[in-house]
């Protein structure tokens, strides 16, 4: 399931929030 989540803009944003990675609001 991970590549689809990473390729998704929403999935990537959620992962960034979860792991403390800076990303645009």
PDBML (XML) file of the C-alpha atoms, coordinates in Angstrom:
<?xml version="1.0" encoding="UTF-8" ?>
<PDBx:datablock datablockName="MODEL"
   xmlns:PDBx="http://pdbml.pdb.org/schema/pdbx-v50.xsd"
   xmlns:xsi="http://www.w3.org/2001/XMLSchema-instance"
   xsi:schemaLocation="http://pdbml.pdb.org/schema/pdbx-v50.xsd pdbx-v50.xsd">
   <PDBx:atom_siteCategory>
      <PDBx:atom_site id="1">
         <PDBx:B_iso_or_equiv>0.00</PDBx:B_iso_or_equiv>
         <PDBx:Cartn_x>0.000</PDBx:Cartn_x>
         <PDBx:Cartn_y>0.000</PDBx:Cartn_y>
         <PDBx:Cartn_z>0.000</PDBx:Cartn_z>
         <PDBx:auth_asym_id>A</PDBx:auth_asym_id>
         <PDBx:auth_atom_id>CA</PDBx:auth_atom_id>
         <PDBx:auth_comp_id>UNK</PDBx:auth_comp_id>
         <PDBx:auth_seq_id>1</PDBx:auth_seq_id>
         <PDBx:group_PDB>ATOM</PDBx:group_PDB>
         <PDBx:label_alt_id xsi:nil="true" />
         <PDBx:label_asym_id>A</PDBx:label_asym_id>
         <PDBx:label_atom_id>CA</PDBx:label_atom_id>
         <PDBx:label_comp_id>UNK</PDBx:label_comp_id>
         <PDBx:label_entity_id>1</PDBx:label_entity_id>
         <PDBx:label_seq_id>1</PDBx:label_seq_id>
         <PDBx:occupancy>1.00</PDBx:occupancy>
         <PDBx:pdbx_PDB_model_num>1</PDBx:pdbx_PDB_model_num>
         <PDBx:type_symbol>C</PDBx:type_symbol>
      </PDBx:atom_site>
      <PDBx:atom_site id="2">
         <PDBx:B_iso_or_equiv>0.00</PDBx:B_iso_or_equiv>
         <PDBx:Cartn_x>2.953</PDBx:Cartn_x>
         <PDBx:Cartn_y>2.332</PDBx:Cartn_y>
         <PDBx:Cartn_z>0.522</PDBx:Cartn_z>
         <PDBx:auth_asym_id>A</PDBx:auth_asym_id>
         <PDBx:auth_atom_id>CA</PDBx:auth_atom_id>
         <PDBx:auth_comp_id>UNK</PDBx:auth_comp_id>
         <PDBx:auth_seq_id>2</PDBx:auth_seq_id>
         <PDBx:group_PDB>ATOM</PDBx:group_PDB>
         <PDBx:label_alt_id xsi:nil="true" />
         <PDBx:label_asym_id>A</PDBx:label_asym_id>
         <PDBx:label_atom_id>CA</PDBx:label_atom_id>
         <PDBx:label_comp_id>UNK</PDBx:label_comp_id>
         <PDBx:label_entity_id>1</PDBx:label_entity_id>
         <PDBx:label_seq_id>2</PDBx:label_seq_id>
         <PDBx:occupancy>1.00</PDBx:occupancy>
         <PDBx:pdbx_PDB_model_num>1</PDBx:pdbx_PDB_model_num>
         <PDBx:type_symbol>C</PDBx:type_symbol>
      </PDBx:atom_site>
      <PDBx:atom_site id="3">
         <PDBx:B_iso_or_equiv>0.00</PDBx:B_iso_or_equiv>
         <PDBx:Cartn_x>3.831</PDBx:Cartn_x>
         <PDBx:Cartn_y>3.468</PDBx:Cartn_y>
         <PDBx:Cartn_z>-3.044</PDBx:Cartn_z>
         <PDBx:auth_asym_id>A</PDBx:auth_asym_id>
         <PDBx:auth_atom_id>CA</PDBx:auth_atom_id>
         <PDBx:auth_comp_id>UNK</PDBx:auth_comp_id>
         <PDBx:auth_seq_id>3</PDBx:auth_seq_id>
         <PDBx:group_PDB>ATOM</PDBx:group_PDB>
         <PDBx:label_alt_id xsi:nil="true" />
         <PDBx:label_asym_id>A</PDBx:label_asym_id>
         <PDBx:label_atom_id>CA</PDBx:label_atom_id>
         <PDBx:label_comp_id>UNK</PDBx:label_comp_id>
         <PDBx:label_entity_id>1</PDBx:label_entity_id>
         <PDBx:label_seq_id>3</PDBx:label_seq_id>
         <PDBx:occupancy>1.00</PDBx:occupancy>
         <PDBx:pdbx_PDB_model_num>1</PDBx:pdbx_PDB_model_num>
         <PDBx:type_symbol>C</PDBx:type_symbol>
      </PDBx:atom_site>
      <PDBx:atom_site id="4">
         <PDBx:B_iso_or_equiv>0.00</PDBx:B_iso_or_equiv>
         <PDBx:Cartn_x>0.233</PDBx:Cartn_x>
         <PDBx:Cartn_y>4.487</PDBx:Cartn_y>
         <PDBx:Cartn_z>-3.769</PDBx:Cartn_z>
         <PDBx:auth_asym_id>A</PDBx:auth_asym_id>
         <PDBx:auth_atom_id>CA</PDBx:auth_atom_id>
         <PDBx:auth_comp_id>UNK</PDBx:auth_comp_id>
         <PDBx:auth_seq_id>4</PDBx:auth_seq_id>
         <PDBx:group_PDB>ATOM</PDBx:group_PDB>
         <PDBx:label_alt_id xsi:nil="true" />
         <PDBx:label_asym_id>A</PDBx:label_asym_id>
         <PDBx:label_atom_id>CA</PDBx:label_atom_id>
         <PDBx:label_comp_id>UNK</PDBx:label_comp_id>
         <PDBx:label_entity_id>1</PDBx:label_entity_id>
         <PDBx:label_seq_id>4</PDBx:label_seq_id>
         <PDBx:occupancy>1.00</PDBx:occupancy>
         <PDBx:pdbx_PDB_model_num>1</PDBx:pdbx_PDB_model_num>
         <PDBx:type_symbol>C</PDBx:type_symbol>
      </PDBx:atom_site>
      <PDBx:atom_site id="5">
         <PDBx:B_iso_or_equiv>0.00</PDBx:B_iso_or_equiv>
         <PDBx:Cartn_x>0.162</PDBx:Cartn_x>
         <PDBx:Cartn_y>6.473</PDBx:Cartn_y>
         <PDBx:Cartn_z>-0.538</PDBx:Cartn_z>
         <PDBx:auth_asym_id>A</PDBx:auth_asym_id>
         <PDBx:auth_atom_id>CA</PDBx:auth_atom_id>
         <PDBx:auth_comp_id>UNK</PDBx:auth_comp_id>
         <PDBx:auth_seq_id>5</PDBx:auth_seq_id>
         <PDBx:group_PDB>ATOM</PDBx:group_PDB>
         <PDBx:label_alt_id xsi:nil="true" />
         <PDBx:label_asym_id>A</PDBx:label_asym_id>
         <PDBx:label_atom_id>CA</PDBx:label_atom_id>
         <PDBx:label_comp_id>UNK</PDBx:label_comp_id>
         <PDBx:label_entity_id>1</PDBx:label_entity_id>
         <PDBx:label_seq_id>5</PDBx:label_seq_id>
         <PDBx:occupancy>1.00</PDBx:occupancy>
         <PDBx:pdbx_PDB_model_num>1</PDBx:pdbx_PDB_model_num>
         <PDBx:type_symbol>C</PDBx:type_symbol>
      </PDBx:atom_site>
      <PDBx:atom_site id="6">
         <PDBx:B_iso_or_equiv>0.00</PDBx:B_iso_or_equiv>
         <PDBx:Cartn_x>3.469</PDBx:Cartn_x>
         <PDBx:Cartn_y>8.174</PDBx:Cartn_y>
         <PDBx:Cartn_z>-1.353</PDBx:Cartn_z>
         <PDBx:auth_asym_id>A</PDBx:auth_asym_id>
         <PDBx:auth_atom_id>CA</PDBx:auth_atom_id>
         <PDBx:auth_comp_id>UNK</PDBx:auth_comp_id>
         <PDBx:auth_seq_id>6</PDBx:auth_seq_id>
         <PDBx:group_PDB>ATOM</PDBx:group_PDB>
         <PDBx:label_alt_id xsi:nil="true" />
         <PDBx:label_asym_id>A</PDBx:label_asym_id>
         <PDBx:label_atom_id>CA</PDBx:label_atom_id>
         <PDBx:label_comp_id>UNK</PDBx:label_comp_id>
         <PDBx:label_entity_id>1</PDBx:label_entity_id>
         <PDBx:label_seq_id>6</PDBx:label_seq_id>
         <PDBx:occupancy>1.00</PDBx:occupancy>
         <PDBx:pdbx_PDB_model_num>1</PDBx:pdbx_PDB_model_num>
         <PDBx:type_symbol>C</PDBx:type_symbol>
      </PDBx:atom_site>
      <PDBx:atom_site id="7">
         <PDBx:B_iso_or_equiv>0.00</PDBx:B_iso_or_equiv>
         <PDBx:Cartn_x>2.353</PDBx:Cartn_x>
         <PDBx:Cartn_y>9.009</PDBx:Cartn_y>
         <PDBx:Cartn_z>-4.905</PDBx:Cartn_z>
         <PDBx:auth_asym_id>A</PDBx:auth_asym_id>
         <PDBx:auth_atom_id>CA</PDBx:auth_atom_id>
         <PDBx:auth_comp_id>UNK</PDBx:auth_comp_id>
         <PDBx:auth_seq_id>7</PDBx:auth_seq_id>
         <PDBx:group_PDB>ATOM</PDBx:group_PDB>
         <PDBx:label_alt_id xsi:nil="true" />
         <PDBx:label_asym_id>A</PDBx:label_asym_id>
         <PDBx:label_atom_id>CA</PDBx:label_atom_id>
         <PDBx:label_comp_id>UNK</PDBx:label_comp_id>
         <PDBx:label_entity_id>1</PDBx:label_entity_id>
         <PDBx:label_seq_id>7</PDBx:label_seq_id>
         <PDBx:occupancy>1.00</PDBx:occupancy>
         <PDBx:pdbx_PDB_model_num>1</PDBx:pdbx_PDB_model_num>
         <PDBx:type_symbol>C</PDBx:type_symbol>
      </PDBx:atom_site>
      <PDBx:atom_site id="8">
         <PDBx:B_iso_or_equiv>0.00</PDBx:B_iso_or_equiv>
         <PDBx:Cartn_x>-0.867</PDBx:Cartn_x>
         <PDBx:Cartn_y>10.519</PDBx:Cartn_y>
         <PDBx:Cartn_z>-3.529</PDBx:Cartn_z>
         <PDBx:auth_asym_id>A</PDBx:auth_asym_id>
         <PDBx:auth_atom_id>CA</PDBx:auth_atom_id>
         <PDBx:auth_comp_id>UNK</PDBx:auth_comp_id>
         <PDBx:auth_seq_id>8</PDBx:auth_seq_id>
         <PDBx:group_PDB>ATOM</PDBx:group_PDB>
         <PDBx:label_alt_id xsi:nil="true" />
         <PDBx:label_asym_id>A</PDBx:label_asym_id>
         <PDBx:label_atom_id>CA</PDBx:label_atom_id>
         <PDBx:label_comp_id>UNK</PDBx:label_comp_id>
         <PDBx:label_entity_id>1</PDBx:label_entity_id>
         <PDBx:label_seq_id>8</PDBx:label_seq_id>
         <PDBx:occupancy>1.00</PDBx:occupancy>
         <PDBx:pdbx_PDB_model_num>1</PDBx:pdbx_PDB_model_num>
         <PDBx:type_symbol>C</PDBx:type_symbol>
      </PDBx:atom_site>
      <PDBx:atom_site id="9">
         <PDBx:B_iso_or_equiv>0.00</PDBx:B_iso_or_equiv>
         <PDBx:Cartn_x>-0.536</PDBx:Cartn_x>
         <PDBx:Cartn_y>14.180</PDBx:Cartn_y>
         <PDBx:Cartn_z>-2.571</PDBx:Cartn_z>
         <PDBx:auth_asym_id>A</PDBx:auth_asym_id>
         <PDBx:auth_atom_id>CA</PDBx:auth_atom_id>
         <PDBx:auth_comp_id>UNK</PDBx:auth_comp_id>
         <PDBx:auth_seq_id>9</PDBx:auth_seq_id>
         <PDBx:group_PDB>ATOM</PDBx:group_PDB>
         <PDBx:label_alt_id xsi:nil="true" />
         <PDBx:label_asym_id>A</PDBx:label_asym_id>
         <PDBx:label_atom_id>CA</PDBx:label_atom_id>
         <PDBx:label_comp_id>UNK</PDBx:label_comp_id>
         <PDBx:label_entity_id>1</PDBx:label_entity_id>
         <PDBx:label_seq_id>9</PDBx:label_seq_id>
         <PDBx:occupancy>1.00</PDBx:occupancy>
         <PDBx:pdbx_PDB_model_num>1</PDBx:pdbx_PDB_model_num>
         <PDBx:type_symbol>C</PDBx:type_symbol>
      </PDBx:atom_site>
      <PDBx:atom_site id="10">
         <PDBx:B_iso_or_equiv>0.00</PDBx:B_iso_or_equiv>
         <PDBx:Cartn_x>-2.886</PDBx:Cartn_x>
         <PDBx:Cartn_y>13.630</PDBx:Cartn_y>
         <PDBx:Cartn_z>0.361</PDBx:Cartn_z>
         <PDBx:auth_asym_id>A</PDBx:auth_asym_id>
         <PDBx:auth_atom_id>CA</PDBx:auth_atom_id>
         <PDBx:auth_comp_id>UNK</PDBx:auth_comp_id>
         <PDBx:auth_seq_id>10</PDBx:auth_seq_id>
         <PDBx:group_PDB>ATOM</PDBx:group_PDB>
         <PDBx:label_alt_id xsi:nil="true" />
         <PDBx:label_asym_id>A</PDBx:label_asym_id>
         <PDBx:label_atom_id>CA</PDBx:label_atom_id>
         <PDBx:label_comp_id>UNK</PDBx:label_comp_id>
         <PDBx:label_entity_id>1</PDBx:label_entity_id>
         <PDBx:label_seq_id>10</PDBx:label_seq_id>
         <PDBx:occupancy>1.00</PDBx:occupancy>
         <PDBx:pdbx_PDB_model_num>1</PDBx:pdbx_PDB_model_num>
         <PDBx:type_symbol>C</PDBx:type_symbol>
      </PDBx:atom_site>
      <PDBx:atom_site id="11">
         <PDBx:B_iso_or_equiv>0.00</PDBx:B_iso_or_equiv>
         <PDBx:Cartn_x>-1.193</PDBx:Cartn_x>
         <PDBx:Cartn_y>10.405</PDBx:Cartn_y>
         <PDBx:Cartn_z>1.428</PDBx:Cartn_z>
         <PDBx:auth_asym_id>A</PDBx:auth_asym_id>
         <PDBx:auth_atom_id>CA</PDBx:auth_atom_id>
         <PDBx:auth_comp_id>UNK</PDBx:auth_comp_id>
         <PDBx:auth_seq_id>11</PDBx:auth_seq_id>
         <PDBx:group_PDB>ATOM</PDBx:group_PDB>
         <PDBx:label_alt_id xsi:nil="true" />
         <PDBx:label_asym_id>A</PDBx:label_asym_id>
         <PDBx:label_atom_id>CA</PDBx:label_atom_id>
         <PDBx:label_comp_id>UNK</PDBx:label_comp_id>
         <PDBx:label_entity_id>1</PDBx:label_entity_id>
         <PDBx:label_seq_id>11</PDBx:label_seq_id>
         <PDBx:occupancy>1.00</PDBx:occupancy>
         <PDBx:pdbx_PDB_model_num>1</PDBx:pdbx_PDB_model_num>
         <PDBx:type_symbol>C</PDBx:type_symbol>
      </PDBx:atom_site>
      <PDBx:atom_site id="12">
         <PDBx:B_iso_or_equiv>0.00</PDBx:B_iso_or_equiv>
         <PDBx:Cartn_x>2.230</PDBx:Cartn_x>
         <PDBx:Cartn_y>12.037</PDBx:Cartn_y>
         <PDBx:Cartn_z>1.309</PDBx:Cartn_z>
         <PDBx:auth_asym_id>A</PDBx:auth_asym_id>
         <PDBx:auth_atom_id>CA</PDBx:auth_atom_id>
         <PDBx:auth_comp_id>UNK</PDBx:auth_comp_id>
         <PDBx:auth_seq_id>12</PDBx:auth_seq_id>
         <PDBx:group_PDB>ATOM</PDBx:group_PDB>
         <PDBx:label_alt_id xsi:nil="true" />
         <PDBx:label_asym_id>A</PDBx:label_asym_id>
         <PDBx:label_atom_id>CA</PDBx:label_atom_id>
         <PDBx:label_comp_id>UNK</PDBx:label_comp_id>
         <PDBx:label_entity_id>1</PDBx:label_entity_id>
         <PDBx:label_seq_id>12</PDBx:label_seq_id>
         <PDBx:occupancy>1.00</PDBx:occupancy>
         <PDBx:pdbx_PDB_model_num>1</PDBx:pdbx_PDB_model_num>
         <PDBx:type_symbol>C</PDBx:type_symbol>
      </PDBx:atom_site>
      <PDBx:atom_site id="13">
         <PDBx:B_iso_or_equiv>0.00</PDBx:B_iso_or_equiv>
         <PDBx:Cartn_x>1.047</PDBx:Cartn_x>
         <PDBx:Cartn_y>15.032</PDBx:Cartn_y>
         <PDBx:Cartn_z>3.316</PDBx:Cartn_z>
         <PDBx:auth_asym_id>A</PDBx:auth_asym_id>
         <PDBx:auth_atom_id>CA</PDBx:auth_atom_id>
         <PDBx:auth_comp_id>UNK</PDBx:auth_comp_id>
         <PDBx:auth_seq_id>13</PDBx:auth_seq_id>
         <PDBx:group_PDB>ATOM</PDBx:group_PDB>
         <PDBx:label_alt_id xsi:nil="true" />
         <PDBx:label_asym_id>A</PDBx:label_asym_id>
         <PDBx:label_atom_id>CA</PDBx:label_atom_id>
         <PDBx:label_comp_id>UNK</PDBx:label_comp_id>
         <PDBx:label_entity_id>1</PDBx:label_entity_id>
         <PDBx:label_seq_id>13</PDBx:label_seq_id>
         <PDBx:occupancy>1.00</PDBx:occupancy>
         <PDBx:pdbx_PDB_model_num>1</PDBx:pdbx_PDB_model_num>
         <PDBx:type_symbol>C</PDBx:type_symbol>
      </PDBx:atom_site>
      <PDBx:atom_site id="14">
         <PDBx:B_iso_or_equiv>0.00</PDBx:B_iso_or_equiv>
         <PDBx:Cartn_x>-0.393</PDBx:Cartn_x>
         <PDBx:Cartn_y>12.750</PDBx:Cartn_y>
         <PDBx:Cartn_z>5.991</PDBx:Cartn_z>
         <PDBx:auth_asym_id>A</PDBx:auth_asym_id>
         <PDBx:auth_atom_id>CA</PDBx:auth_atom_id>
         <PDBx:auth_comp_id>UNK</PDBx:auth_comp_id>
         <PDBx:auth_seq_id>14</PDBx:auth_seq_id>
         <PDBx:group_PDB>ATOM</PDBx:group_PDB>
         <PDBx:label_alt_id xsi:nil="true" />
         <PDBx:label_asym_id>A</PDBx:label_asym_id>
         <PDBx:label_atom_id>CA</PDBx:label_atom_id>
         <PDBx:label_comp_id>UNK</PDBx:label_comp_id>
         <PDBx:label_entity_id>1</PDBx:label_entity_id>
         <PDBx:label_seq_id>14</PDBx:label_seq_id>
         <PDBx:occupancy>1.00</PDBx:occupancy>
         <PDBx:pdbx_PDB_model_num>1</PDBx:pdbx_PDB_model_num>
         <PDBx:type_symbol>C</PDBx:type_symbol>
      </PDBx:atom_site>
      <PDBx:atom_site id="15">
         <PDBx:B_iso_or_equiv>0.00</PDBx:B_iso_or_equiv>
         <PDBx:Cartn_x>2.874</PDBx:Cartn_x>
         <PDBx:Cartn_y>10.788</PDBx:Cartn_y>
         <PDBx:Cartn_z>6.204</PDBx:Cartn_z>
         <PDBx:auth_asym_id>A</PDBx:auth_asym_id>
         <PDBx:auth_atom_id>CA</PDBx:auth_atom_id>
         <PDBx:auth_comp_id>UNK</PDBx:auth_comp_id>
         <PDBx:auth_seq_id>15</PDBx:auth_seq_id>
         <PDBx:group_PDB>ATOM</PDBx:group_PDB>
         <PDBx:label_alt_id xsi:nil="true" />
         <PDBx:label_asym_id>A</PDBx:label_asym_id>
         <PDBx:label_atom_id>CA</PDBx:label_atom_id>
         <PDBx:label_comp_id>UNK</PDBx:label_comp_id>
         <PDBx:label_entity_id>1</PDBx:label_entity_id>
         <PDBx:label_seq_id>15</PDBx:label_seq_id>
         <PDBx:occupancy>1.00</PDBx:occupancy>
         <PDBx:pdbx_PDB_model_num>1</PDBx:pdbx_PDB_model_num>
         <PDBx:type_symbol>C</PDBx:type_symbol>
      </PDBx:atom_site>
      <PDBx:atom_site id="16">
         <PDBx:B_iso_or_equiv>0.00</PDBx:B_iso_or_equiv>
         <PDBx:Cartn_x>4.835</PDBx:Cartn_x>
         <PDBx:Cartn_y>14.029</PDBx:Cartn_y>
         <PDBx:Cartn_z>6.519</PDBx:Cartn_z>
         <PDBx:auth_asym_id>A</PDBx:auth_asym_id>
         <PDBx:auth_atom_id>CA</PDBx:auth_atom_id>
         <PDBx:auth_comp_id>UNK</PDBx:auth_comp_id>
         <PDBx:auth_seq_id>16</PDBx:auth_seq_id>
         <PDBx:group_PDB>ATOM</PDBx:group_PDB>
         <PDBx:label_alt_id xsi:nil="true" />
         <PDBx:label_asym_id>A</PDBx:label_asym_id>
         <PDBx:label_atom_id>CA</PDBx:label_atom_id>
         <PDBx:label_comp_id>UNK</PDBx:label_comp_id>
         <PDBx:label_entity_id>1</PDBx:label_entity_id>
         <PDBx:label_seq_id>16</PDBx:label_seq_id>
         <PDBx:occupancy>1.00</PDBx:occupancy>
         <PDBx:pdbx_PDB_model_num>1</PDBx:pdbx_PDB_model_num>
         <PDBx:type_symbol>C</PDBx:type_symbol>
      </PDBx:atom_site>
      <PDBx:atom_site id="17">
         <PDBx:B_iso_or_equiv>0.00</PDBx:B_iso_or_equiv>
         <PDBx:Cartn_x>2.620</PDBx:Cartn_x>
         <PDBx:Cartn_y>15.158</PDBx:Cartn_y>
         <PDBx:Cartn_z>9.410</PDBx:Cartn_z>
         <PDBx:auth_asym_id>A</PDBx:auth_asym_id>
         <PDBx:auth_atom_id>CA</PDBx:auth_atom_id>
         <PDBx:auth_comp_id>UNK</PDBx:auth_comp_id>
         <PDBx:auth_seq_id>17</PDBx:auth_seq_id>
         <PDBx:group_PDB>ATOM</PDBx:group_PDB>
         <PDBx:label_alt_id xsi:nil="true" />
         <PDBx:label_asym_id>A</PDBx:label_asym_id>
         <PDBx:label_atom_id>CA</PDBx:label_atom_id>
         <PDBx:label_comp_id>UNK</PDBx:label_comp_id>
         <PDBx:label_entity_id>1</PDBx:label_entity_id>
         <PDBx:label_seq_id>17</PDBx:label_seq_id>
         <PDBx:occupancy>1.00</PDBx:occupancy>
         <PDBx:pdbx_PDB_model_num>1</PDBx:pdbx_PDB_model_num>
         <PDBx:type_symbol>C</PDBx:type_symbol>
      </PDBx:atom_site>
      <PDBx:atom_site id="18">
         <PDBx:B_iso_or_equiv>0.00</PDBx:B_iso_or_equiv>
         <PDBx:Cartn_x>2.886</PDBx:Cartn_x>
         <PDBx:Cartn_y>11.742</PDBx:Cartn_y>
         <PDBx:Cartn_z>11.049</PDBx:Cartn_z>
         <PDBx:auth_asym_id>A</PDBx:auth_asym_id>
         <PDBx:auth_atom_id>CA</PDBx:auth_atom_id>
         <PDBx:auth_comp_id>UNK</PDBx:auth_comp_id>
         <PDBx:auth_seq_id>18</PDBx:auth_seq_id>
         <PDBx:group_PDB>ATOM</PDBx:group_PDB>
         <PDBx:label_alt_id xsi:nil="true" />
         <PDBx:label_asym_id>A</PDBx:label_asym_id>
         <PDBx:label_atom_id>CA</PDBx:label_atom_id>
         <PDBx:label_comp_id>UNK</PDBx:label_comp_id>
         <PDBx:label_entity_id>1</PDBx:label_entity_id>
         <PDBx:label_seq_id>18</PDBx:label_seq_id>
         <PDBx:occupancy>1.00</PDBx:occupancy>
         <PDBx:pdbx_PDB_model_num>1</PDBx:pdbx_PDB_model_num>
         <PDBx:type_symbol>C</PDBx:type_symbol>
      </PDBx:atom_site>
      <PDBx:atom_site id="19">
         <PDBx:B_iso_or_equiv>0.00</PDBx:B_iso_or_equiv>
         <PDBx:Cartn_x>6.701</PDBx:Cartn_x>
         <PDBx:Cartn_y>11.678</PDBx:Cartn_y>
         <PDBx:Cartn_z>10.902</PDBx:Cartn_z>
         <PDBx:auth_asym_id>A</PDBx:auth_asym_id>
         <PDBx:auth_atom_id>CA</PDBx:auth_atom_id>
         <PDBx:auth_comp_id>UNK</PDBx:auth_comp_id>
         <PDBx:auth_seq_id>19</PDBx:auth_seq_id>
         <PDBx:group_PDB>ATOM</PDBx:group_PDB>
         <PDBx:label_alt_id xsi:nil="true" />
         <PDBx:label_asym_id>A</PDBx:label_asym_id>
         <PDBx:label_atom_id>CA</PDBx:label_atom_id>
         <PDBx:label_comp_id>UNK</PDBx:label_comp_id>
         <PDBx:label_entity_id>1</PDBx:label_entity_id>
         <PDBx:label_seq_id>19</PDBx:label_seq_id>
         <PDBx:occupancy>1.00</PDBx:occupancy>
         <PDBx:pdbx_PDB_model_num>1</PDBx:pdbx_PDB_model_num>
         <PDBx:type_symbol>C</PDBx:type_symbol>
      </PDBx:atom_site>
      <PDBx:atom_site id="20">
         <PDBx:B_iso_or_equiv>0.00</PDBx:B_iso_or_equiv>
         <PDBx:Cartn_x>7.492</PDBx:Cartn_x>
         <PDBx:Cartn_y>15.346</PDBx:Cartn_y>
         <PDBx:Cartn_z>11.450</PDBx:Cartn_z>
         <PDBx:auth_asym_id>A</PDBx:auth_asym_id>
         <PDBx:auth_atom_id>CA</PDBx:auth_atom_id>
         <PDBx:auth_comp_id>UNK</PDBx:auth_comp_id>
         <PDBx:auth_seq_id>20</PDBx:auth_seq_id>
         <PDBx:group_PDB>ATOM</PDBx:group_PDB>
         <PDBx:label_alt_id xsi:nil="true" />
         <PDBx:label_asym_id>A</PDBx:label_asym_id>
         <PDBx:label_atom_id>CA</PDBx:label_atom_id>
         <PDBx:label_comp_id>UNK</PDBx:label_comp_id>
         <PDBx:label_entity_id>1</PDBx:label_entity_id>
         <PDBx:label_seq_id>20</PDBx:label_seq_id>
         <PDBx:occupancy>1.00</PDBx:occupancy>
         <PDBx:pdbx_PDB_model_num>1</PDBx:pdbx_PDB_model_num>
         <PDBx:type_symbol>C</PDBx:type_symbol>
      </PDBx:atom_site>
      <PDBx:atom_site id="21">
         <PDBx:B_iso_or_equiv>0.00</PDBx:B_iso_or_equiv>
         <PDBx:Cartn_x>8.643</PDBx:Cartn_x>
         <PDBx:Cartn_y>16.129</PDBx:Cartn_y>
         <PDBx:Cartn_z>7.912</PDBx:Cartn_z>
         <PDBx:auth_asym_id>A</PDBx:auth_asym_id>
         <PDBx:auth_atom_id>CA</PDBx:auth_atom_id>
         <PDBx:auth_comp_id>UNK</PDBx:auth_comp_id>
         <PDBx:auth_seq_id>21</PDBx:auth_seq_id>
         <PDBx:group_PDB>ATOM</PDBx:group_PDB>
         <PDBx:label_alt_id xsi:nil="true" />
         <PDBx:label_asym_id>A</PDBx:label_asym_id>
         <PDBx:label_atom_id>CA</PDBx:label_atom_id>
         <PDBx:label_comp_id>UNK</PDBx:label_comp_id>
         <PDBx:label_entity_id>1</PDBx:label_entity_id>
         <PDBx:label_seq_id>21</PDBx:label_seq_id>
         <PDBx:occupancy>1.00</PDBx:occupancy>
         <PDBx:pdbx_PDB_model_num>1</PDBx:pdbx_PDB_model_num>
         <PDBx:type_symbol>C</PDBx:type_symbol>
      </PDBx:atom_site>
      <PDBx:atom_site id="22">
         <PDBx:B_iso_or_equiv>0.00</PDBx:B_iso_or_equiv>
         <PDBx:Cartn_x>8.081</PDBx:Cartn_x>
         <PDBx:Cartn_y>19.734</PDBx:Cartn_y>
         <PDBx:Cartn_z>6.831</PDBx:Cartn_z>
         <PDBx:auth_asym_id>A</PDBx:auth_asym_id>
         <PDBx:auth_atom_id>CA</PDBx:auth_atom_id>
         <PDBx:auth_comp_id>UNK</PDBx:auth_comp_id>
         <PDBx:auth_seq_id>22</PDBx:auth_seq_id>
         <PDBx:group_PDB>ATOM</PDBx:group_PDB>
         <PDBx:label_alt_id xsi:nil="true" />
         <PDBx:label_asym_id>A</PDBx:label_asym_id>
         <PDBx:label_atom_id>CA</PDBx:label_atom_id>
         <PDBx:label_comp_id>UNK</PDBx:label_comp_id>
         <PDBx:label_entity_id>1</PDBx:label_entity_id>
         <PDBx:label_seq_id>22</PDBx:label_seq_id>
         <PDBx:occupancy>1.00</PDBx:occupancy>
         <PDBx:pdbx_PDB_model_num>1</PDBx:pdbx_PDB_model_num>
         <PDBx:type_symbol>C</PDBx:type_symbol>
      </PDBx:atom_site>
      <PDBx:atom_site id="23">
         <PDBx:B_iso_or_equiv>0.00</PDBx:B_iso_or_equiv>
         <PDBx:Cartn_x>5.676</PDBx:Cartn_x>
         <PDBx:Cartn_y>20.215</PDBx:Cartn_y>
         <PDBx:Cartn_z>3.934</PDBx:Cartn_z>
         <PDBx:auth_asym_id>A</PDBx:auth_asym_id>
         <PDBx:auth_atom_id>CA</PDBx:auth_atom_id>
         <PDBx:auth_comp_id>UNK</PDBx:auth_comp_id>
         <PDBx:auth_seq_id>23</PDBx:auth_seq_id>
         <PDBx:group_PDB>ATOM</PDBx:group_PDB>
         <PDBx:label_alt_id xsi:nil="true" />
         <PDBx:label_asym_id>A</PDBx:label_asym_id>
         <PDBx:label_atom_id>CA</PDBx:label_atom_id>
         <PDBx:label_comp_id>UNK</PDBx:label_comp_id>
         <PDBx:label_entity_id>1</PDBx:label_entity_id>
         <PDBx:label_seq_id>23</PDBx:label_seq_id>
         <PDBx:occupancy>1.00</PDBx:occupancy>
         <PDBx:pdbx_PDB_model_num>1</PDBx:pdbx_PDB_model_num>
         <PDBx:type_symbol>C</PDBx:type_symbol>
      </PDBx:atom_site>
      <PDBx:atom_site id="24">
         <PDBx:B_iso_or_equiv>0.00</PDBx:B_iso_or_equiv>
         <PDBx:Cartn_x>3.511</PDBx:Cartn_x>
         <PDBx:Cartn_y>23.066</PDBx:Cartn_y>
         <PDBx:Cartn_z>2.637</PDBx:Cartn_z>
         <PDBx:auth_asym_id>A</PDBx:auth_asym_id>
         <PDBx:auth_atom_id>CA</PDBx:auth_atom_id>
         <PDBx:auth_comp_id>UNK</PDBx:auth_comp_id>
         <PDBx:auth_seq_id>24</PDBx:auth_seq_id>
         <PDBx:group_PDB>ATOM</PDBx:group_PDB>
         <PDBx:label_alt_id xsi:nil="true" />
         <PDBx:label_asym_id>A</PDBx:label_asym_id>
         <PDBx:label_atom_id>CA</PDBx:label_atom_id>
         <PDBx:label_comp_id>UNK</PDBx:label_comp_id>
         <PDBx:label_entity_id>1</PDBx:label_entity_id>
         <PDBx:label_seq_id>24</PDBx:label_seq_id>
         <PDBx:occupancy>1.00</PDBx:occupancy>
         <PDBx:pdbx_PDB_model_num>1</PDBx:pdbx_PDB_model_num>
         <PDBx:type_symbol>C</PDBx:type_symbol>
      </PDBx:atom_site>
      <PDBx:atom_site id="25">
         <PDBx:B_iso_or_equiv>0.00</PDBx:B_iso_or_equiv>
         <PDBx:Cartn_x>0.226</PDBx:Cartn_x>
         <PDBx:Cartn_y>23.705</PDBx:Cartn_y>
         <PDBx:Cartn_z>4.436</PDBx:Cartn_z>
         <PDBx:auth_asym_id>A</PDBx:auth_asym_id>
         <PDBx:auth_atom_id>CA</PDBx:auth_atom_id>
         <PDBx:auth_comp_id>UNK</PDBx:auth_comp_id>
         <PDBx:auth_seq_id>25</PDBx:auth_seq_id>
         <PDBx:group_PDB>ATOM</PDBx:group_PDB>
         <PDBx:label_alt_id xsi:nil="true" />
         <PDBx:label_asym_id>A</PDBx:label_asym_id>
         <PDBx:label_atom_id>CA</PDBx:label_atom_id>
         <PDBx:label_comp_id>UNK</PDBx:label_comp_id>
         <PDBx:label_entity_id>1</PDBx:label_entity_id>
         <PDBx:label_seq_id>25</PDBx:label_seq_id>
         <PDBx:occupancy>1.00</PDBx:occupancy>
         <PDBx:pdbx_PDB_model_num>1</PDBx:pdbx_PDB_model_num>
         <PDBx:type_symbol>C</PDBx:type_symbol>
      </PDBx:atom_site>
   </PDBx:atom_siteCategory>
</PDBx:datablock>
